[in-house]
C-alpha atoms as a PDB file:
ATOM      1  CA  MET A   1      15.456  28.213 -16.325  1.00  0.00           C
ATOM      2  CA  ALA A   2      13.577  29.904 -13.411  1.00  0.00           C
ATOM      3  CA  ILE A   3      14.838  29.732  -9.970  1.00  0.00           C
ATOM      4  CA  HIS A   4      12.551  30.738  -7.489  1.00  0.00           C
ATOM      5  CA  SER A   5      14.444  33.564  -4.795  1.00  0.00           C
ATOM      6  CA  THR A   6      13.435  31.500  -2.328  1.00  0.00           C
ATOM      7  CA  ALA A   7      14.737  28.070  -3.659  1.00  0.00           C
ATOM      8  CA  ILE A   8      18.167  26.783  -2.459  1.00  0.00           C
ATOM      9  CA  VAL A   9      20.404  25.504  -4.833  1.00  0.00           C
ATOM     10  CA  ASP A  10      24.394  24.432  -3.982  1.00  0.00           C
ATOM     11  CA  PRO A  11      25.948  26.197  -6.781  1.00  0.00           C
ATOM     12  CA  LYS A  12      28.056  22.437  -8.059  1.00  0.00           C
ATOM     13  CA  ALA A  13      24.619  20.680  -8.934  1.00  0.00           C
ATOM     14  CA  THR A  14      23.610  20.553 -11.979  1.00  0.00           C
ATOM     15  CA  VAL A  15      20.546  21.874 -13.462  1.00  0.00           C
ATOM     16  CA  GLY A  16      19.986  21.320 -16.775  1.00  0.00           C
ATOM     17  CA  ASP A  17      18.265  23.893 -19.494  1.00  0.00           C
ATOM     18  CA  SER A  18      14.344  25.081 -18.492  1.00  0.00           C
ATOM     19  CA  CYS A  19      14.080  23.740 -15.294  1.00  0.00           C
ATOM     20  CA  ASP A  20      11.785  25.070 -12.967  1.00  0.00           C
ATOM     21  CA  ILE A  21      12.611  25.484  -9.471  1.00  0.00           C
ATOM     22  CA  GLY A  22       9.762  26.364  -7.108  1.00  0.00           C
ATOM     23  CA  PRO A  23      10.073  27.606  -3.956  1.00  0.00           C
ATOM     24  CA  TYR A  24      11.564  26.702  -0.385  1.00  0.00           C
ATOM     25  CA  CYS A  25      13.190  23.969  -2.558  1.00  0.00           C
ATOM     26  CA  SER A  26      16.315  22.803  -1.562  1.00  0.00           C
ATOM     27  CA  ILE A  27      19.002  20.848  -3.956  1.00  0.00           C
ATOM     28  CA  GLY A  28      22.158  19.747  -3.022  1.00  0.00           C
ATOM     29  CA  PRO A  29      26.225  19.936  -4.120  1.00  0.00           C
ATOM     30  CA  ASP A  30      25.929  16.148  -6.168  1.00  0.00           C
ATOM     31  CA  VAL A  31      22.665  16.538  -7.969  1.00  0.00           C
ATOM     32  CA  SER A  32      22.224  16.879 -11.059  1.00  0.00           C
ATOM     33  CA  LEU A  33      19.104  17.759 -13.346  1.00  0.00           C
ATOM     34  CA  GLY A  34      18.149  17.041 -16.601  1.00  0.00           C
ATOM     35  CA  ALA A  35      16.509  19.227 -19.113  1.00  0.00           C
ATOM     36  CA  GLY A  36      12.769  20.379 -17.971  1.00  0.00           C
ATOM     37  CA  CYS A  37      12.407  19.301 -14.828  1.00  0.00           C
ATOM     38  CA  ASN A  38       9.876  21.303 -12.768  1.00  0.00           C
ATOM     39  CA  LEU A  39      10.128  21.326  -8.646  1.00  0.00           C
ATOM     40  CA  HIS A  40       6.919  22.665  -7.444  1.00  0.00           C
ATOM     41  CA  SER A  41       7.562  23.549  -3.929  1.00  0.00           C
ATOM     42  CA  HIS A  42       9.462  22.590  -0.570  1.00  0.00           C
ATOM     43  CA  VAL A  43      10.991  19.913  -2.884  1.00  0.00           C
ATOM     44  CA  VAL A  44      14.781  18.509  -1.237  1.00  0.00           C
ATOM     45  CA  ILE A  45      16.961  16.614  -3.362  1.00  0.00           C
ATOM     46  CA  ASP A  46      20.366  15.687  -1.334  1.00  0.00           C
ATOM     47  CA  GLY A  47      22.923  13.199  -2.273  1.00  0.00           C
ATOM     48  CA  HIS A  48      24.545  11.918  -5.797  1.00  0.00           C
ATOM     49  CA  THR A  49      21.407  12.067  -7.172  1.00  0.00           C
ATOM     50  CA  SER A  50      20.450  11.759 -11.062  1.00  0.00           C
ATOM     51  CA  LEU A  51      17.231  12.973 -12.656  1.00  0.00           C
ATOM     52  CA  GLY A  52      16.635  12.462 -16.428  1.00  0.00           C
ATOM     53  CA  ASP A  53      14.598  14.912 -18.559  1.00  0.00           C
ATOM     54  CA  GLU A  54      11.509  16.619 -17.473  1.00  0.00           C
ATOM     55  CA  CYS A  55      10.724  14.651 -14.803  1.00  0.00           C
ATOM     56  CA  GLU A  56       8.130  16.838 -12.637  1.00  0.00           C
ATOM     57  CA  VAL A  57       8.530  16.181  -8.644  1.00  0.00           C
ATOM     58  CA  PHE A  58       5.462  17.491  -6.063  1.00  0.00           C
ATOM     59  CA  PRO A  59       6.039  19.092  -2.704  1.00  0.00           C
ATOM     60  CA  PHE A  60       7.655  17.743   0.443  1.00  0.00           C
ATOM     61  CA  ALA A  61       9.562  14.707  -1.436  1.00  0.00           C
ATOM     62  CA  CYS A  62      12.375  13.660  -0.438  1.00  0.00           C
ATOM     63  CA  LEU A  63      14.531  12.692  -2.405  1.00  0.00           C
ATOM     64  CA  GLY A  64      18.294  10.914  -2.376  1.00  0.00           C
ATOM     65  CA  LYS A  65      19.145  11.489   1.554  1.00  0.00           C
ATOM     66  CA  LYS A  66      21.048   8.320   2.683  1.00  0.00           C
ATOM     67  CA  THR A  67      19.601   4.776   2.921  1.00  0.00           C
ATOM     68  CA  GLN A  68      17.732   4.148   6.628  1.00  0.00           C
ATOM     69  CA  ASP A  69      19.685   0.577   6.426  1.00  0.00           C
ATOM     70  CA  LEU A  70      21.501   0.178   9.881  1.00  0.00           C
ATOM     71  CA  LYS A  71      24.664  -1.370   7.878  1.00  0.00           C
ATOM     72  CA  TYR A  72      25.081   2.050   5.818  1.00  0.00           C
ATOM     73  CA  LYS A  73      28.766   2.887   7.335  1.00  0.00           C
ATOM     74  CA  GLY A  74      29.404   6.288   5.118  1.00  0.00           C
ATOM     75  CA  GLU A  75      30.073   4.929   1.210  1.00  0.00           C
ATOM     76  CA  GLU A  76      29.342   7.409  -1.800  1.00  0.00           C
ATOM     77  CA  THR A  77      25.992   6.064  -3.520  1.00  0.00           C
ATOM     78  CA  TYR A  78      23.662   7.030  -5.221  1.00  0.00           C
ATOM     79  CA  VAL A  79      19.803   7.540  -6.379  1.00  0.00           C
ATOM     80  CA  ARG A  80      19.696   7.410  -9.991  1.00  0.00           C
ATOM     81  CA  ILE A  81      15.771   8.102 -11.873  1.00  0.00           C
ATOM     82  CA  GLY A  82      15.444   7.911 -15.237  1.00  0.00           C
ATOM     83  CA  SER A  83      12.656  11.005 -17.739  1.00  0.00           C
ATOM     84  CA  ARG A  84      10.009  12.012 -17.764  1.00  0.00           C
ATOM     85  CA  THR A  85       8.998   9.832 -14.133  1.00  0.00           C
ATOM     86  CA  VAL A  86       6.071  11.633 -12.135  1.00  0.00           C
ATOM     87  CA  ILE A  87       6.675  12.184  -8.048  1.00  0.00           C
ATOM     88  CA  ARG A  88       4.170  13.433  -6.343  1.00  0.00           C
ATOM     89  CA  GLU A  89       3.762  14.265  -2.992  1.00  0.00           C
ATOM     90  CA  TYR A  90       5.924  13.327   0.414  1.00  0.00           C
ATOM     91  CA  VAL A  91       7.496  10.699  -1.970  1.00  0.00           C
ATOM     92  CA  THR A  92      10.614   9.712  -0.227  1.00  0.00           C
ATOM     93  CA  ILE A  93      13.116   7.988  -2.376  1.00  0.00           C
ATOM     94  CA  ASN A  94      16.551   6.623  -0.394  1.00  0.00           C
ATOM     95  CA  ALA A  95      19.980   5.837  -1.577  1.00  0.00           C
ATOM     96  CA  ALA A  96      21.546   2.524  -1.476  1.00  0.00           C
ATOM     97  CA  THR A  97      23.409   1.198   1.059  1.00  0.00           C
ATOM     98  CA  GLY A  98      26.568  -0.051  -0.303  1.00  0.00           C
ATOM     99  CA  GLY A  99      29.547   1.528  -1.828  1.00  0.00           C
ATOM    100  CA  GLY A 100      28.774   2.459  -5.983  1.00  0.00           C
ATOM    101  CA  ASP A 101      25.708   0.920  -5.480  1.00  0.00           C
ATOM    102  CA  ALA A 102      22.249   2.535  -7.006  1.00  0.00           C
ATOM    103  CA  THR A 103      18.558   3.065  -6.053  1.00  0.00           C
ATOM    104  CA  ALA A 104      16.746   3.120  -9.924  1.00  0.00           C
ATOM    105  CA  ILE A 105      13.685   4.590 -11.291  1.00  0.00           C
ATOM    106  CA  GLY A 106      13.267   3.960 -14.770  1.00  0.00           C
ATOM    107  CA  ASP A 107      11.485   6.542 -17.594  1.00  0.00           C
ATOM    108  CA  ASP A 108       7.931   7.630 -17.616  1.00  0.00           C
ATOM    109  CA  CYS A 109       6.907   6.024 -13.931  1.00  0.00           C
ATOM    110  CA  LEU A 110       4.134   7.697 -11.758  1.00  0.00           C
ATOM    111  CA  ILE A 111       5.167   7.279  -7.852  1.00  0.00           C
ATOM    112  CA  GLN A 112       2.064   8.718  -6.546  1.00  0.00           C
ATOM    113  CA  SER A 113       1.625  10.242  -2.840  1.00  0.00           C
ATOM    114  CA  TYR A 114       3.462   9.258  -0.352  1.00  0.00           C
ATOM    115  CA  CYS A 115       5.047   6.276  -1.803  1.00  0.00           C
ATOM    116  CA  HIS A 116       8.290   5.299   0.039  1.00  0.00           C
ATOM    117  CA  ILE A 117      11.015   3.197  -2.232  1.00  0.00           C
ATOM    118  CA  ALA A 118      13.839   1.974   0.356  1.00  0.00           C
ATOM    119  CA  HIS A 119      17.729   1.995  -0.581  1.00  0.00           C
ATOM    120  CA  ASP A 120      18.837  -0.439  -3.459  1.00  0.00           C
ATOM    121  CA  CYS A 121      15.610  -0.781  -5.655  1.00  0.00           C
ATOM    122  CA  THR A 122      15.687  -1.374  -8.720  1.00  0.00           C
ATOM    123  CA  LEU A 123      11.946  -0.549 -10.702  1.00  0.00           C
ATOM    124  CA  GLY A 124      11.909  -0.262 -14.450  1.00  0.00           C
ATOM    125  CA  ASN A 125      10.156   1.451 -17.107  1.00  0.00           C
ATOM    126  CA  LYS A 126       6.546   2.705 -16.589  1.00  0.00           C
ATOM    127  CA  VAL A 127       5.779   1.545 -13.090  1.00  0.00           C
ATOM    128  CA  ILE A 128       3.194   2.600 -10.962  1.00  0.00           C
ATOM    129  CA  MET A 129       2.773   3.078  -7.218  1.00  0.00           C
ATOM    130  CA  SER A 130      -0.803   4.537  -5.972  1.00  0.00           C
ATOM    131  CA  SER A 131      -0.421   6.277  -3.116  1.00  0.00           C
ATOM    132  CA  ALA A 132       1.129   5.019   0.425  1.00  0.00           C
ATOM    133  CA  ALA A 133       2.224   1.664  -1.223  1.00  0.00           C
ATOM    134  CA  MET A 134       5.371   0.876   0.279  1.00  0.00           C
ATOM    135  CA  LEU A 135       8.887  -0.911  -0.802  1.00  0.00           C
ATOM    136  CA  SER A 136      11.681  -2.207   1.457  1.00  0.00           C
ATOM    137  CA  GLY A 137      15.469  -2.752   0.390  1.00  0.00           C
ATOM    138  CA  HIS A 138      16.593  -4.045  -2.777  1.00  0.00           C
ATOM    139  CA  ILE A 139      12.991  -5.150  -4.693  1.00  0.00           C
ATOM    140  CA  GLU A 140      12.595  -5.277  -8.265  1.00  0.00           C
ATOM    141  CA  VAL A 141       9.806  -4.040 -10.115  1.00  0.00           C
ATOM    142  CA  GLY A 142       9.441  -4.839 -13.580  1.00  0.00           C
ATOM    143  CA  ASP A 143       8.667  -2.121 -16.745  1.00  0.00           C
ATOM    144  CA  ALA A 144       5.067  -1.479 -16.525  1.00  0.00           C
ATOM    145  CA  ALA A 145       4.194  -2.928 -13.120  1.00  0.00           C
ATOM    146  CA  VAL A 146       1.369  -1.688 -10.923  1.00  0.00           C
ATOM    147  CA  ILE A 147       2.248  -1.619  -7.761  1.00  0.00           C
ATOM    148  CA  GLY A 148      -1.784  -1.083  -5.463  1.00  0.00           C
ATOM    149  CA  GLY A 149      -2.242   1.766  -3.113  1.00  0.00           C
ATOM    150  CA  HIS A 150      -1.191   0.887   0.752  1.00  0.00           C
ATOM    151  CA  SER A 151       0.476  -2.334   0.004  1.00  0.00           C
ATOM    152  CA  GLY A 152       3.467  -3.018   1.637  1.00  0.00           C
ATOM    153  CA  VAL A 153       6.328  -5.419   0.214  1.00  0.00           C
ATOM    154  CA  VAL A 154       8.627  -7.716   1.693  1.00  0.00           C
ATOM    155  CA  GLN A 155      12.852  -6.976   1.009  1.00  0.00           C
ATOM    156  CA  PHE A 156      14.157  -8.791  -2.408  1.00  0.00           C
ATOM    157  CA  VAL A 157      11.233  -9.532  -3.715  1.00  0.00           C
ATOM    158  CA  LYS A 158      10.699  -9.478  -7.311  1.00  0.00           C
ATOM    159  CA  ILE A 159       7.418  -8.062  -8.798  1.00  0.00           C
ATOM    160  CA  GLY A 160       7.991  -9.258 -13.107  1.00  0.00           C
ATOM    161  CA  THR A 161       6.876  -7.144 -15.506  1.00  0.00           C
ATOM    162  CA  MET A 162       3.050  -5.690 -16.719  1.00  0.00           C
ATOM    163  CA  SER A 163       2.118  -7.461 -13.313  1.00  0.00           C
ATOM    164  CA  MET A 164      -0.062  -5.922 -10.570  1.00  0.00           C
ATOM    165  CA  VAL A 165       0.139  -6.420  -6.799  1.00  0.00           C
ATOM    166  CA  GLY A 166      -3.385  -5.211  -5.659  1.00  0.00           C
ATOM    167  CA  GLY A 167      -3.948  -2.477  -2.913  1.00  0.00           C
ATOM    168  CA  PHE A 168      -3.817  -2.952   0.948  1.00  0.00           C
ATOM    169  CA  SER A 169      -1.162  -6.369  -0.269  1.00  0.00           C
ATOM    170  CA  LYS A 170       1.084  -7.508   2.051  1.00  0.00           C
ATOM    171  CA  LEU A 171       3.432  -8.839  -0.189  1.00  0.00           C
ATOM    172  CA  GLY A 172       6.242 -11.444   1.157  1.00  0.00           C
ATOM    173  CA  GLN A 173       7.547 -13.616  -2.343  1.00  0.00           C
ATOM    174  CA  ASP A 174       7.406 -12.780  -5.927  1.00  0.00           C
ATOM    175  CA  VAL A 175       4.909 -12.106  -8.637  1.00  0.00           C
ATOM    176  CA  CYS A 176       5.350 -13.783 -11.825  1.00  0.00           C
ATOM    177  CA  ALA A 177       5.084 -11.406 -14.834  1.00  0.00           C
ATOM    178  CA  PHE A 178       1.692 -10.966 -15.493  1.00  0.00           C
ATOM    179  CA  CYS A 179      -0.157 -12.187 -13.291  1.00  0.00           C
ATOM    180  CA  ILE A 180      -2.105 -10.623 -10.148  1.00  0.00           C
ATOM    181  CA  ALA A 181      -1.380 -11.073  -6.380  1.00  0.00           C
ATOM    182  CA  ASP A 182      -3.556  -9.938  -3.947  1.00  0.00           C
ATOM    183  CA  GLY A 183      -4.426 -10.078  -0.113  1.00  0.00           C
ATOM    184  CA  VAL A 184      -2.347 -10.681   3.446  1.00  0.00           C
ATOM    185  CA  PRO A 185      -0.965 -12.630   2.641  1.00  0.00           C
ATOM    186  CA  ALA A 186      -0.828 -12.072  -1.341  1.00  0.00           C
ATOM    187  CA  GLU A 187      -1.057 -14.359  -2.959  1.00  0.00           C
ATOM    188  CA  THR A 188      -1.526 -14.682  -7.111  1.00  0.00           C
ATOM    189  CA  ARG A 189      -5.176 -15.050  -7.667  1.00  0.00           C
ATOM    190  CA  VAL A 190      -5.202 -14.141 -11.587  1.00  0.00           C
ATOM    191  CA  THR A 191      -3.416 -13.086 -14.924  1.00  0.00           C
ATOM    192  CA  ASN A 192      -2.953  -9.215 -15.276  1.00  0.00           C
ATOM    193  CA  LYS A 193      -5.056  -8.703 -19.382  1.00  0.00           C
ATOM    194  CA  ILE A 194      -6.184  -5.729 -18.897  1.00  0.00           C
ATOM    195  CA  GLY A 195      -2.032  -4.607 -18.071  1.00  0.00           C
ATOM    196  CA  MET A 196      -1.348  -7.160 -20.970  1.00  0.00           C
ATOM    197  CA  GLN A 197      -3.871  -5.276 -23.279  1.00  0.00           C
ATOM    198  CA  ARG A 198      -2.504  -1.638 -22.496  1.00  0.00           C
ATOM    199  CA  ASN A 199       0.381  -2.470 -23.050  1.00  0.00           C
ATOM    200  CA  GLY A 200      -0.229  -3.874 -26.949  1.00  0.00           C
ATOM    201  CA  LYS A 201      -0.467  -7.082 -26.091  1.00  0.00           C
ATOM    202  CA  SER A 202      -2.126  -9.575 -28.782  1.00  0.00           C
ATOM    203  CA  PRO A 203      -5.096 -11.745 -27.649  1.00  0.00           C
ATOM    204  CA  GLU A 204      -3.091 -14.661 -28.999  1.00  0.00           C
ATOM    205  CA  GLN A 205      -0.463 -13.607 -26.331  1.00  0.00           C
ATOM    206  CA  ILE A 206      -2.876 -13.069 -23.753  1.00  0.00           C
ATOM    207  CA  GLN A 207      -4.049 -16.372 -24.009  1.00  0.00           C
ATOM    208  CA  ALA A 208      -0.922 -18.443 -23.897  1.00  0.00           C
ATOM    209  CA  VAL A 209      -0.013 -16.349 -20.970  1.00  0.00           C
ATOM    210  CA  ILE A 210      -3.462 -16.904 -19.329  1.00  0.00           C
ATOM    211  CA  SER A 211      -2.567 -21.155 -20.408  1.00  0.00           C
ATOM    212  CA  ALA A 212       0.512 -20.756 -18.635  1.00  0.00           C
ATOM    213  CA  PHE A 213      -0.585 -19.503 -16.011  1.00  0.00           C
ATOM    214  CA  ARG A 214      -3.228 -22.182 -15.413  1.00  0.00           C
ATOM    215  CA  VAL A 215      -0.062 -24.688 -15.780  1.00  0.00           C
ATOM    216  CA  ILE A 216       1.774 -22.782 -12.945  1.00  0.00           C
ATOM    217  CA  PHE A 217      -0.402 -21.869 -11.112  1.00  0.00           C
ATOM    218  CA  GLN A 218      -3.721 -23.899 -11.100  1.00  0.00           C
ATOM    219  CA  SER A 219      -2.548 -27.513 -11.770  1.00  0.00           C
ATOM    220  CA  ASP A 220      -1.340 -29.658  -9.504  1.00  0.00           C
ATOM    221  CA  LEU A 221       1.964 -30.376 -10.550  1.00  0.00           C
ATOM    222  CA  SER A 222       5.413 -29.777  -8.520  1.00  0.00           C
ATOM    223  CA  ILE A 223       6.651 -25.453 -10.365  1.00  0.00           C
ATOM    224  CA  GLU A 224       9.548 -27.494 -12.065  1.00  0.00           C
ATOM    225  CA  ASP A 225       7.260 -30.120 -13.618  1.00  0.00           C
ATOM    226  CA  ALA A 226       5.467 -27.275 -14.260  1.00  0.00           C
ATOM    227  CA  VAL A 227       7.810 -25.078 -16.015  1.00  0.00           C
ATOM    228  CA  ALA A 228       9.484 -28.280 -17.901  1.00  0.00           C
ATOM    229  CA  ALA A 229       5.928 -28.542 -19.182  1.00  0.00           C
ATOM    230  CA  LEU A 230       5.983 -24.879 -21.053  1.00  0.00           C
ATOM    231  CA  ARG A 231       9.281 -25.376 -22.442  1.00  0.00           C
ATOM    232  CA  ASP A 232       7.427 -26.284 -25.672  1.00  0.00           C
ATOM    233  CA  SER A 233       5.340 -23.714 -25.895  1.00  0.00           C
ATOM    234  CA  ALA A 234       7.997 -20.205 -24.490  1.00  0.00           C
ATOM    235  CA  VAL A 235       9.591 -21.459 -28.223  1.00  0.00           C
ATOM    236  CA  GLU A 236       6.721 -19.797 -30.071  1.00  0.00           C
ATOM    237  CA  PHE A 237       5.689 -17.243 -27.311  1.00  0.00           C
ATOM    238  CA  ALA A 238       8.243 -14.704 -26.001  1.00  0.00           C
ATOM    239  CA  GLU A 239       6.083 -13.886 -22.894  1.00  0.00           C
ATOM    240  CA  ILE A 240       6.224 -17.425 -21.368  1.00  0.00           C
ATOM    241  CA  GLN A 241       9.815 -17.575 -21.582  1.00  0.00           C
ATOM    242  CA  THR A 242       9.562 -14.127 -19.758  1.00  0.00           C
ATOM    243  CA  MET A 243       7.602 -15.890 -17.416  1.00  0.00           C
ATOM    244  CA  LEU A 244      10.435 -19.160 -17.061  1.00  0.00           C
ATOM    245  CA  ASP A 245      13.047 -16.823 -16.929  1.00  0.00           C
ATOM    246  CA  PHE A 246      11.322 -15.069 -14.464  1.00  0.00           C
ATOM    247  CA  ILE A 247      10.915 -18.119 -12.395  1.00  0.00           C
ATOM    248  CA  ALA A 248      14.379 -19.246 -12.819  1.00  0.00           C
ATOM    249  CA  ALA A 249      15.862 -15.813 -10.738  1.00  0.00           C
ATOM    250  CA  SER A 250      13.540 -16.033  -8.231  1.00  0.00           C
ATOM    251  CA  GLU A 251      14.740 -16.065  -4.986  1.00  0.00           C
ATOM    252  CA  ARG A 252      11.966 -15.944  -2.157  1.00  0.00           C
ATOM    253  CA  GLY A 253       9.343 -18.354  -4.186  1.00  0.00           C
ATOM    254  CA  LEU A 254       6.361 -17.135  -5.932  1.00  0.00           C
ATOM    255  CA  ALA A 255       3.573 -15.928  -3.970  1.00  0.00           C
ATOM    256  CA  ARG A 256       0.896 -19.209  -5.369  1.00  0.00           C
ATOM    257  CA  PRO A 257      -2.546 -19.677  -3.838  1.00  0.00           C
ATOM    258  CA  LYS A 258      -2.199 -21.716  -0.855  1.00  0.00           C
ATOM    259  CA  LYS A 259      -3.157 -26.052  -1.605  1.00  0.00           C
ATOM    260  CA  LYS A 260      -7.201 -26.357  -0.013  1.00  0.00           C
END
């Protein structure tokens, strides 16, 4: 373990083996760092915040401070960050609002510089947020999703697994799994073929997703009729079932292209 002489680490904090805490870091009493974490310098971690093993946090990140939600009444809330997640410069991650709730980030994520993750957001594993992407409260992001730089996401939106939000987008509705949304306001444009390839999907699985995409987003069917038309295909391809499950769980509706 290496803790720089200028770092302030509360004696009650839990610091795992082989952590490296750089100059002018500030670690609060209820913080827990897993083994092998590297805090470069000027990192602030406070509140009931836990990091898994081998996380890397770059200068001027601020993690675990209280929610900016005006409904907050001082309850004990949490930030939980998985292992091997990288958090770059000036990132802010706020604690949840309701007592016992958590803002949660999975394993192997990359949160690039100047990103903001608000209260009660949940990010899966291998999520990438490009620089200056902003998440409002209560957003759910699936595994291996990518959120483009300078994009803004409205509260309670769901972003599906292996999906992508284009840079400089304003996203107010849900992005179905395996799809790409882009624009102001963002609309679903195409399947995330490259993302699926990078995450090990076979050509047959990718083609099944493309076919389902055409039914959901490019046909004249209603969402209900599109789902009914795809139920048989979902038996053969788990990816289609994932899309149908996502649609069933959507509360804000899909970011479908506007009819011309």
